[in-house]
Amino acid sequence: MKENPFSVYAVVSQVGFMVIAPLLLFIWGGSWLIERFSLPQWLMIIFVILGIGTMISSVGTYLAKLMKKYGKDEDDPNSKLKHDVKDHDFYS
């Protein structure tokens, strides 16, 4: 992922899809079930909560896998994350 800058856009778009898709699916499916079987309207709250739970679970799992795959240990001498804080001081 660090070699190709477009892979960042792929990750962002995939996370965006994982946020939108479950929520829309549960809202659409819930409204269809409520109309089809004449269920009470308050069940829509349950469907929205299930959609939010699915969304949080899928995004959390995906980000945890990315962090495990691309994360570096602090003891790794080849880590590019180790640098002097003074490198970011533009006024000195």
C-alpha atoms as a PDB file:
ATOM      1  CA  MET A   1       0.000   0.000   0.000  1.00  0.00           C
ATOM      2  CA  LYS A   2       2.892   2.359   0.625  1.00  0.00           C
ATOM      3  CA  GLU A   3       4.299   1.900  -2.874  1.00  0.00           C
ATOM      4  CA  ASN A   4       1.165   2.930  -4.774  1.00  0.00           C
ATOM      5  CA  PRO A   5      -0.606   6.194  -3.861  1.00  0.00           C
ATOM      6  CA  PHE A   6      -3.804   5.044  -5.579  1.00  0.00           C
ATOM      7  CA  SER A   7      -4.170   2.198  -3.083  1.00  0.00           C
ATOM      8  CA  VAL A   8      -5.081   4.798  -0.465  1.00  0.00           C
ATOM      9  CA  TYR A   9      -8.051   5.828  -2.617  1.00  0.00           C
ATOM     10  CA  ALA A  10      -9.035   2.171  -2.921  1.00  0.00           C
ATOM     11  CA  VAL A  11      -9.018   1.754   0.856  1.00  0.00           C
ATOM     12  CA  VAL A  12     -11.027   4.945   1.388  1.00  0.00           C
ATOM     13  CA  SER A  13     -13.619   3.958  -1.206  1.00  0.00           C
ATOM     14  CA  GLN A  14     -13.921   0.472   0.266  1.00  0.00           C
ATOM     15  CA  VAL A  15     -14.436   1.857   3.770  1.00  0.00           C
ATOM     16  CA  GLY A  16     -17.025   4.268   2.371  1.00  0.00           C
ATOM     17  CA  PHE A  17     -18.852   1.395   0.732  1.00  0.00           C
ATOM     18  CA  MET A  18     -18.738  -0.599   3.985  1.00  0.00           C
ATOM     19  CA  VAL A  19     -20.331   2.357   5.780  1.00  0.00           C
ATOM     20  CA  ILE A  20     -23.117   3.017   3.265  1.00  0.00           C
ATOM     21  CA  ALA A  21     -24.065  -0.470   2.034  1.00  0.00           C
ATOM     22  CA  PRO A  22     -25.165  -2.157   5.291  1.00  0.00           C
ATOM     23  CA  LEU A  23     -27.132   0.870   6.388  1.00  0.00           C
ATOM     24  CA  LEU A  24     -28.987   1.172   3.091  1.00  0.00           C
ATOM     25  CA  LEU A  25     -29.552  -2.578   2.919  1.00  0.00           C
ATOM     26  CA  PHE A  26     -31.056  -2.775   6.401  1.00  0.00           C
ATOM     27  CA  ILE A  27     -33.210   0.334   5.863  1.00  0.00           C
ATOM     28  CA  TRP A  28     -34.501  -0.909   2.515  1.00  0.00           C
ATOM     29  CA  GLY A  29     -34.972  -4.488   3.751  1.00  0.00           C
ATOM     30  CA  GLY A  30     -36.646  -3.333   6.940  1.00  0.00           C
ATOM     31  CA  SER A  31     -39.107  -1.097   5.148  1.00  0.00           C
ATOM     32  CA  TRP A  32     -39.897  -3.885   2.666  1.00  0.00           C
ATOM     33  CA  LEU A  33     -40.502  -6.392   5.482  1.00  0.00           C
ATOM     34  CA  ILE A  34     -42.674  -3.934   7.402  1.00  0.00           C
ATOM     35  CA  GLU A  35     -44.837  -3.221   4.351  1.00  0.00           C
ATOM     36  CA  ARG A  36     -44.958  -6.837   3.173  1.00  0.00           C
ATOM     37  CA  PHE A  37     -45.965  -8.430   6.477  1.00  0.00           C
ATOM     38  CA  SER A  38     -47.762  -5.432   8.055  1.00  0.00           C
ATOM     39  CA  LEU A  39     -45.334  -5.293  10.963  1.00  0.00           C
ATOM     40  CA  PRO A  40     -45.291  -2.443  13.495  1.00  0.00           C
ATOM     41  CA  GLN A  41     -43.350   0.664  12.447  1.00  0.00           C
ATOM     42  CA  TRP A  42     -41.151   0.673  15.560  1.00  0.00           C
ATOM     43  CA  LEU A  43     -39.293  -2.342  14.164  1.00  0.00           C
ATOM     44  CA  MET A  44     -37.592   0.055  11.764  1.00  0.00           C
ATOM     45  CA  ILE A  45     -35.501   1.262  14.719  1.00  0.00           C
ATOM     46  CA  ILE A  46     -34.295  -2.318  15.219  1.00  0.00           C
ATOM     47  CA  PHE A  47     -33.313  -2.588  11.548  1.00  0.00           C
ATOM     48  CA  VAL A  48     -31.393   0.692  11.667  1.00  0.00           C
ATOM     49  CA  ILE A  49     -29.557  -0.407  14.826  1.00  0.00           C
ATOM     50  CA  LEU A  50     -28.678  -3.724  13.158  1.00  0.00           C
ATOM     51  CA  GLY A  51     -27.387  -1.832  10.124  1.00  0.00           C
ATOM     52  CA  ILE A  52     -25.214   0.418  12.279  1.00  0.00           C
ATOM     53  CA  GLY A  53     -23.885  -2.596  14.190  1.00  0.00           C
ATOM     54  CA  THR A  54     -23.031  -4.404  10.971  1.00  0.00           C
ATOM     55  CA  MET A  55     -21.375  -1.261   9.626  1.00  0.00           C
ATOM     56  CA  ILE A  56     -19.197  -0.789  12.717  1.00  0.00           C
ATOM     57  CA  SER A  57     -18.259  -4.460  12.799  1.00  0.00           C
ATOM     58  CA  SER A  58     -17.252  -4.650   9.140  1.00  0.00           C
ATOM     59  CA  VAL A  59     -15.238  -1.417   9.181  1.00  0.00           C
ATOM     60  CA  GLY A  60     -13.526  -2.368  12.437  1.00  0.00           C
ATOM     61  CA  THR A  61     -12.578  -5.808  11.140  1.00  0.00           C
ATOM     62  CA  TYR A  62     -11.281  -4.375   7.863  1.00  0.00           C
ATOM     63  CA  LEU A  63      -9.202  -1.671   9.545  1.00  0.00           C
ATOM     64  CA  ALA A  64      -7.803  -4.165  12.064  1.00  0.00           C
ATOM     65  CA  LYS A  65      -6.668  -6.411   9.201  1.00  0.00           C
ATOM     66  CA  LEU A  66      -5.042  -3.433   7.451  1.00  0.00           C
ATOM     67  CA  MET A  67      -3.244  -2.377  10.618  1.00  0.00           C
ATOM     68  CA  LYS A  68      -1.992  -5.911  11.172  1.00  0.00           C
ATOM     69  CA  LYS A  69      -0.829  -6.255   7.564  1.00  0.00           C
ATOM     70  CA  TYR A  70       0.841  -2.866   7.114  1.00  0.00           C
ATOM     71  CA  GLY A  71       1.677  -1.882  10.685  1.00  0.00           C
ATOM     72  CA  LYS A  72       5.288  -1.705  11.764  1.00  0.00           C
ATOM     73  CA  ASP A  73       6.763  -2.637  15.107  1.00  0.00           C
ATOM     74  CA  GLU A  74       8.523   0.055  17.092  1.00  0.00           C
ATOM     75  CA  ASP A  75      11.590  -2.198  17.336  1.00  0.00           C
ATOM     76  CA  ASP A  76      11.875  -2.479  13.554  1.00  0.00           C
ATOM     77  CA  PRO A  77      15.003  -0.589  12.431  1.00  0.00           C
ATOM     78  CA  ASN A  78      13.616  -0.245   8.883  1.00  0.00           C
ATOM     79  CA  SER A  79      10.502   1.592  10.021  1.00  0.00           C
ATOM     80  CA  LYS A  80      10.004   4.879   8.172  1.00  0.00           C
ATOM     81  CA  LEU A  81       7.929   6.182  11.064  1.00  0.00           C
ATOM     82  CA  LYS A  82      11.006   6.916  13.187  1.00  0.00           C
ATOM     83  CA  HIS A  83      12.226  10.428  12.561  1.00  0.00           C
ATOM     84  CA  ASP A  84      13.282  13.486  14.421  1.00  0.00           C
ATOM     85  CA  VAL A  85      10.463  15.843  15.398  1.00  0.00           C
ATOM     86  CA  LYS A  86      12.689  18.745  14.359  1.00  0.00           C
ATOM     87  CA  ASP A  87      12.233  17.622  10.731  1.00  0.00           C
ATOM     88  CA  HIS A  88       8.793  19.228  10.821  1.00  0.00           C
ATOM     89  CA  ASP A  89       9.932  22.560  12.229  1.00  0.00           C
ATOM     90  CA  PHE A  90       9.839  24.966   9.312  1.00  0.00           C
ATOM     91  CA  TYR A  91      10.792  28.048  11.317  1.00  0.00           C
ATOM     92  CA  SER A  92      14.232  27.086  12.531  1.00  0.00           C
END
